[in-house]
PDB file of N, CA and C in Angstrom:
ATOM      1  N   MET A   1       0.698  -1.232  -0.266  1.00  0.00           N
ATOM      2  CA  MET A   1       0.356   0.000   0.050  1.00  0.00           C
ATOM      3  C   MET A   1       0.892   1.279   0.200  1.00  0.00           C
ATOM      4  N   LYS A   2       2.266   1.127   0.680  1.00  0.00           N
ATOM      5  CA  LYS A   2       2.996   2.489   0.698  1.00  0.00           C
ATOM      6  C   LYS A   2       3.207   2.674  -1.162  1.00  0.00           C
ATOM      7  N   ILE A   3       3.365   1.700  -1.717  1.00  0.00           N
ATOM      8  CA  ILE A   3       3.663   1.992  -3.406  1.00  0.00           C
ATOM      9  C   ILE A   3       2.429   2.935  -3.961  1.00  0.00           C
ATOM     10  N   LYS A   4       1.700   2.955  -3.458  1.00  0.00           N
ATOM     11  CA  LYS A   4      -0.057   3.252  -4.331  1.00  0.00           C
ATOM     12  C   LYS A   4      -0.134   4.739  -3.335  1.00  0.00           C
ATOM     13  N   SER A   5       0.290   4.831  -2.136  1.00  0.00           N
ATOM     14  CA  SER A   5       0.100   6.161  -1.682  1.00  0.00           C
ATOM     15  C   SER A   5       1.140   7.262  -2.394  1.00  0.00           C
ATOM     16  N   LEU A   6       2.290   6.594  -2.650  1.00  0.00           N
ATOM     17  CA  LEU A   6       3.416   7.579  -2.986  1.00  0.00           C
ATOM     18  C   LEU A   6       3.106   7.927  -4.244  1.00  0.00           C
ATOM     19  N   LEU A   7       2.450   6.841  -5.244  1.00  0.00           N
ATOM     20  CA  LEU A   7       2.019   7.306  -6.652  1.00  0.00           C
ATOM     21  C   LEU A   7       1.116   8.486  -6.353  1.00  0.00           C
ATOM     22  N   LEU A   8      -0.150   8.517  -5.467  1.00  0.00           N
ATOM     23  CA  LEU A   8      -1.226   9.056  -5.501  1.00  0.00           C
ATOM     24  C   LEU A   8      -0.145  10.262  -4.819  1.00  0.00           C
ATOM     25  N   GLY A   9       0.545  10.616  -4.138  1.00  0.00           N
ATOM     26  CA  GLY A   9       1.220  12.117  -3.528  1.00  0.00           C
ATOM     27  C   GLY A   9       1.532  12.451  -4.749  1.00  0.00           C
ATOM     28  N   SER A  10       2.378  11.461  -5.624  1.00  0.00           N
ATOM     29  CA  SER A  10       3.285  12.264  -6.790  1.00  0.00           C
ATOM     30  C   SER A  10       2.318  12.501  -7.695  1.00  0.00           C
ATOM     31  N   ALA A  11       1.179  12.291  -8.010  1.00  0.00           N
ATOM     32  CA  ALA A  11       0.246  12.621  -9.212  1.00  0.00           C
ATOM     33  C   ALA A  11      -0.641  13.921  -8.611  1.00  0.00           C
ATOM     34  N   ALA A  12      -0.956  13.642  -7.301  1.00  0.00           N
ATOM     35  CA  ALA A  12      -1.075  15.193  -6.669  1.00  0.00           C
ATOM     36  C   ALA A  12      -0.165  16.481  -6.860  1.00  0.00           C
ATOM     37  N   ALA A  13       1.010  16.157  -6.456  1.00  0.00           N
ATOM     38  CA  ALA A  13       1.713  16.904  -6.533  1.00  0.00           C
ATOM     39  C   ALA A  13       2.150  17.763  -8.099  1.00  0.00           C
ATOM     40  N   LEU A  14       1.928  16.404  -8.847  1.00  0.00           N
ATOM     41  CA  LEU A  14       2.191  17.202 -10.117  1.00  0.00           C
ATOM     42  C   LEU A  14       0.850  17.835 -10.721  1.00  0.00           C
ATOM     43  N   ALA A  15      -0.279  17.493 -10.555  1.00  0.00           N
ATOM     44  CA  ALA A  15      -1.168  18.099 -10.708  1.00  0.00           C
ATOM     45  C   ALA A  15      -1.247  19.409 -10.498  1.00  0.00           C
ATOM     46  N   ALA A  16      -0.893  19.705  -9.200  1.00  0.00           N
ATOM     47  CA  ALA A  16      -0.830  20.925  -8.201  1.00  0.00           C
ATOM     48  C   ALA A  16       0.199  21.712  -9.032  1.00  0.00           C
ATOM     49  N   VAL A  17       1.624  21.190  -9.326  1.00  0.00           N
ATOM     50  CA  VAL A  17       2.423  22.140 -10.102  1.00  0.00           C
ATOM     51  C   VAL A  17       1.906  22.661 -11.506  1.00  0.00           C
ATOM     52  N   SER A  18       0.882  21.649 -12.477  1.00  0.00           N
ATOM     53  CA  SER A  18       0.971  21.797 -13.826  1.00  0.00           C
ATOM     54  C   SER A  18      -0.479  22.868 -13.116  1.00  0.00           C
ATOM     55  N   GLY A  19      -0.875  22.878 -12.576  1.00  0.00           N
ATOM     56  CA  GLY A  19      -2.509  23.434 -12.423  1.00  0.00           C
ATOM     57  C   GLY A  19      -1.944  25.344 -11.961  1.00  0.00           C
ATOM     58  N   ALA A  20      -0.956  25.211 -11.072  1.00  0.00           N
ATOM     59  CA  ALA A  20       0.092  26.159 -11.245  1.00  0.00           C
ATOM     60  C   ALA A  20       0.453  27.263 -12.096  1.00  0.00           C
ATOM     61  N   ARG A  21       1.223  26.065 -13.250  1.00  0.00           N
ATOM     62  CA  ARG A  21       1.596  26.864 -14.668  1.00  0.00           C
ATOM     63  C   ARG A  21       0.298  27.390 -15.063  1.00  0.00           C
ATOM     64  N   ALA A  22      -0.973  26.380 -15.434  1.00  0.00           N
ATOM     65  CA  ALA A  22      -1.762  26.511 -16.267  1.00  0.00           C
ATOM     66  C   ALA A  22      -2.167  28.023 -15.600  1.00  0.00           C
ATOM     67  N   ALA A  23      -2.468  28.443 -14.624  1.00  0.00           N
ATOM     68  CA  ALA A  23      -2.965  29.892 -14.235  1.00  0.00           C
ATOM     69  C   ALA A  23      -2.186  30.512 -14.263  1.00  0.00           C
ATOM     70  N   ASP A  24      -0.810  30.434 -14.397  1.00  0.00           N
ATOM     71  CA  ASP A  24       0.157  31.423 -14.888  1.00  0.00           C
ATOM     72  C   ASP A  24      -0.025  31.782 -16.257  1.00  0.00           C
ATOM     73  N   ALA A  25      -0.240  30.828 -16.946  1.00  0.00           N
ATOM     74  CA  ALA A  25      -0.186  31.247 -18.558  1.00  0.00           C
ATOM     75  C   ALA A  25      -1.535  32.101 -18.933  1.00  0.00           C
ATOM     76  N   VAL A  26      -2.406  31.833 -18.176  1.00  0.00           N
ATOM     77  CA  VAL A  26      -3.898  32.340 -18.385  1.00  0.00           C
ATOM     78  C   VAL A  26      -3.431  33.608 -18.446  1.00  0.00           C
ATOM     79  N   VAL A  27      -3.282  34.088 -16.643  1.00  0.00           N
ATOM     80  CA  VAL A  27      -2.842  35.301 -16.498  1.00  0.00           C
ATOM     81  C   VAL A  27      -1.838  35.986 -17.501  1.00  0.00           C
ATOM     82  N   ILE A  28      -0.946  35.441 -18.229  1.00  0.00           N
ATOM     83  CA  ILE A  28       0.078  36.366 -19.074  1.00  0.00           C
ATOM     84  C   ILE A  28      -0.832  36.116 -20.288  1.00  0.00           C
ATOM     85  N   ALA A  29      -1.486  35.242 -21.037  1.00  0.00           N
ATOM     86  CA  ALA A  29      -2.346  35.258 -21.774  1.00  0.00           C
ATOM     87  C   ALA A  29      -3.164  36.556 -22.047  1.00  0.00           C
ATOM     88  N   GLU A  30      -3.822  36.857 -21.179  1.00  0.00           N
ATOM     89  CA  GLU A  30      -4.284  37.920 -20.850  1.00  0.00           C
ATOM     90  C   GLU A  30      -4.166  39.070 -20.704  1.00  0.00           C
ATOM     91  N   PRO A  31      -4.019  40.137 -21.782  1.00  0.00           N
ATOM     92  CA  PRO A  31      -3.120  41.478 -21.442  1.00  0.00           C
ATOM     93  C   PRO A  31      -4.330  42.271 -20.572  1.00  0.00           C
ATOM     94  N   GLU A  32      -3.124  43.386 -19.984  1.00  0.00           N
ATOM     95  CA  GLU A  32      -4.065  44.410 -19.085  1.00  0.00           C
ATOM     96  C   GLU A  32      -4.906  45.380 -19.964  1.00  0.00           C
ATOM     97  N   PRO A  33      -5.907  45.971 -19.603  1.00  0.00           N
ATOM     98  CA  PRO A  33      -6.788  46.922 -20.884  1.00  0.00           C
ATOM     99  C   PRO A  33      -5.627  48.035 -20.523  1.00  0.00           C
ATOM    100  N   VAL A  34      -5.792  48.405 -21.766  1.00  0.00           N
ATOM    101  CA  VAL A  34      -4.762  49.965 -21.804  1.00  0.00           C
ATOM    102  C   VAL A  34      -6.143  50.969 -21.849  1.00  0.00           C
ATOM    103  N   GLU A  35      -5.552  51.910 -20.544  1.00  0.00           N
ATOM    104  CA  GLU A  35      -6.344  53.226 -20.672  1.00  0.00           C
ATOM    105  C   GLU A  35      -6.177  54.135 -21.712  1.00  0.00           C
TER     106      GLU A  35
END
């Protein structure tokens, strides 16, 4: 069961990192409105 929890933990960490990168990409992709 240790291997299963280890895989689950690494998968969760990977999802968190990729999710943060995706959020950054969205912020960069949307330019601020110029007044």
